[in-house]
């Protein structure tokens, strides 16, 4: 067990953990968000292959459609 910072708040993570696994555990659909890991934008196709590390910083923004 370790921690990361997600949207400025500490979050507990069971390592090893991919970005996709973290999103699902947060009840977020991976295809409905944009993610930045340590200041670098991450393509949705990379979510399952990107592993989180202790003290990583994630910024997660939900995509909203409207008209």
C-alpha atoms as a PDB file:
ATOM      1  CA  UNK A   1       0.000   0.000   0.000  1.00  0.00           C
ATOM      2  CA  UNK A   2       1.234   3.470  -0.832  1.00  0.00           C
ATOM      3  CA  UNK A   3      -0.019   6.900  -1.794  1.00  0.00           C
ATOM      4  CA  UNK A   4      -0.233   9.229  -4.754  1.00  0.00           C
ATOM      5  CA  UNK A   5      -1.687  12.698  -5.206  1.00  0.00           C
ATOM      6  CA  UNK A   6      -4.828  12.784  -7.363  1.00  0.00           C
ATOM      7  CA  UNK A   7      -6.230  16.215  -8.206  1.00  0.00           C
ATOM      8  CA  UNK A   8      -4.295  17.706  -5.308  1.00  0.00           C
ATOM      9  CA  UNK A   9      -5.512  15.217  -2.685  1.00  0.00           C
ATOM     10  CA  UNK A  10      -3.735  12.177  -1.218  1.00  0.00           C
ATOM     11  CA  UNK A  11      -5.068   8.822  -2.420  1.00  0.00           C
ATOM     12  CA  UNK A  12      -4.180   5.362  -1.145  1.00  0.00           C
ATOM     13  CA  UNK A  13      -3.075   2.887  -3.823  1.00  0.00           C
ATOM     14  CA  UNK A  14      -2.354  -0.833  -3.692  1.00  0.00           C
ATOM     15  CA  UNK A  15       0.815  -1.221  -5.783  1.00  0.00           C
ATOM     16  CA  UNK A  16       1.352  -2.396  -8.461  1.00  0.00           C
ATOM     17  CA  UNK A  17      -1.463  -0.381 -10.018  1.00  0.00           C
ATOM     18  CA  UNK A  18      -2.018   0.952 -13.526  1.00  0.00           C
ATOM     19  CA  UNK A  19      -3.749   4.243 -14.277  1.00  0.00           C
ATOM     20  CA  UNK A  20      -6.694   2.247 -15.644  1.00  0.00           C
ATOM     21  CA  UNK A  21      -6.997   0.204 -12.426  1.00  0.00           C
ATOM     22  CA  UNK A  22      -6.846   3.373 -10.338  1.00  0.00           C
ATOM     23  CA  UNK A  23      -9.573   5.044 -12.404  1.00  0.00           C
ATOM     24  CA  UNK A  24     -11.866   2.018 -12.136  1.00  0.00           C
ATOM     25  CA  UNK A  25     -11.332   1.887  -8.354  1.00  0.00           C
ATOM     26  CA  UNK A  26     -12.352   5.559  -8.251  1.00  0.00           C
ATOM     27  CA  UNK A  27     -15.558   4.684 -10.160  1.00  0.00           C
ATOM     28  CA  UNK A  28     -14.402   6.605 -13.241  1.00  0.00           C
ATOM     29  CA  UNK A  29     -14.767   5.278 -16.768  1.00  0.00           C
ATOM     30  CA  UNK A  30     -11.309   5.376 -18.370  1.00  0.00           C
ATOM     31  CA  UNK A  31     -12.785   6.547 -21.694  1.00  0.00           C
ATOM     32  CA  UNK A  32     -14.532   9.499 -20.037  1.00  0.00           C
ATOM     33  CA  UNK A  33     -11.475  11.217 -18.553  1.00  0.00           C
ATOM     34  CA  UNK A  34      -8.267  12.979 -19.543  1.00  0.00           C
ATOM     35  CA  UNK A  35      -5.243  12.153 -17.372  1.00  0.00           C
ATOM     36  CA  UNK A  36      -1.924  13.864 -16.751  1.00  0.00           C
ATOM     37  CA  UNK A  37       0.743  11.922 -14.817  1.00  0.00           C
ATOM     38  CA  UNK A  38       3.530  13.999 -13.262  1.00  0.00           C
ATOM     39  CA  UNK A  39       2.865  16.835 -15.712  1.00  0.00           C
ATOM     40  CA  UNK A  40       2.733  14.614 -18.823  1.00  0.00           C
ATOM     41  CA  UNK A  41      -0.483  13.956 -20.749  1.00  0.00           C
ATOM     42  CA  UNK A  42      -1.290  10.249 -21.007  1.00  0.00           C
ATOM     43  CA  UNK A  43      -3.186   8.855 -24.006  1.00  0.00           C
ATOM     44  CA  UNK A  44      -6.159   6.647 -23.064  1.00  0.00           C
ATOM     45  CA  UNK A  45      -4.550   3.797 -25.006  1.00  0.00           C
ATOM     46  CA  UNK A  46      -1.670   3.908 -22.469  1.00  0.00           C
ATOM     47  CA  UNK A  47      -3.800   3.779 -19.270  1.00  0.00           C
ATOM     48  CA  UNK A  48      -3.522   0.001 -18.865  1.00  0.00           C
ATOM     49  CA  UNK A  49       0.252  -0.025 -19.440  1.00  0.00           C
ATOM     50  CA  UNK A  50       1.183   2.981 -17.286  1.00  0.00           C
ATOM     51  CA  UNK A  51       2.107   1.948 -13.759  1.00  0.00           C
ATOM     52  CA  UNK A  52       1.680   4.304 -10.838  1.00  0.00           C
ATOM     53  CA  UNK A  53       4.561   4.860  -8.417  1.00  0.00           C
ATOM     54  CA  UNK A  54       4.688   6.191  -4.868  1.00  0.00           C
ATOM     55  CA  UNK A  55       4.132   9.985  -4.784  1.00  0.00           C
ATOM     56  CA  UNK A  56       3.018  10.225  -8.437  1.00  0.00           C
ATOM     57  CA  UNK A  57       0.819  13.222  -9.172  1.00  0.00           C
ATOM     58  CA  UNK A  58      -2.294  12.680 -11.293  1.00  0.00           C
ATOM     59  CA  UNK A  59      -4.594  15.320 -12.670  1.00  0.00           C
ATOM     60  CA  UNK A  60      -7.872  13.784 -13.817  1.00  0.00           C
ATOM     61  CA  UNK A  61     -10.466  15.772 -15.738  1.00  0.00           C
ATOM     62  CA  UNK A  62     -13.854  14.329 -16.656  1.00  0.00           C
ATOM     63  CA  UNK A  63     -14.970  14.886 -20.237  1.00  0.00           C
ATOM     64  CA  UNK A  64     -18.400  16.474 -20.423  1.00  0.00           C
ATOM     65  CA  UNK A  65     -20.480  16.606 -23.587  1.00  0.00           C
ATOM     66  CA  UNK A  66     -23.270  19.059 -24.025  1.00  0.00           C
ATOM     67  CA  UNK A  67     -24.949  21.393 -26.348  1.00  0.00           C
END
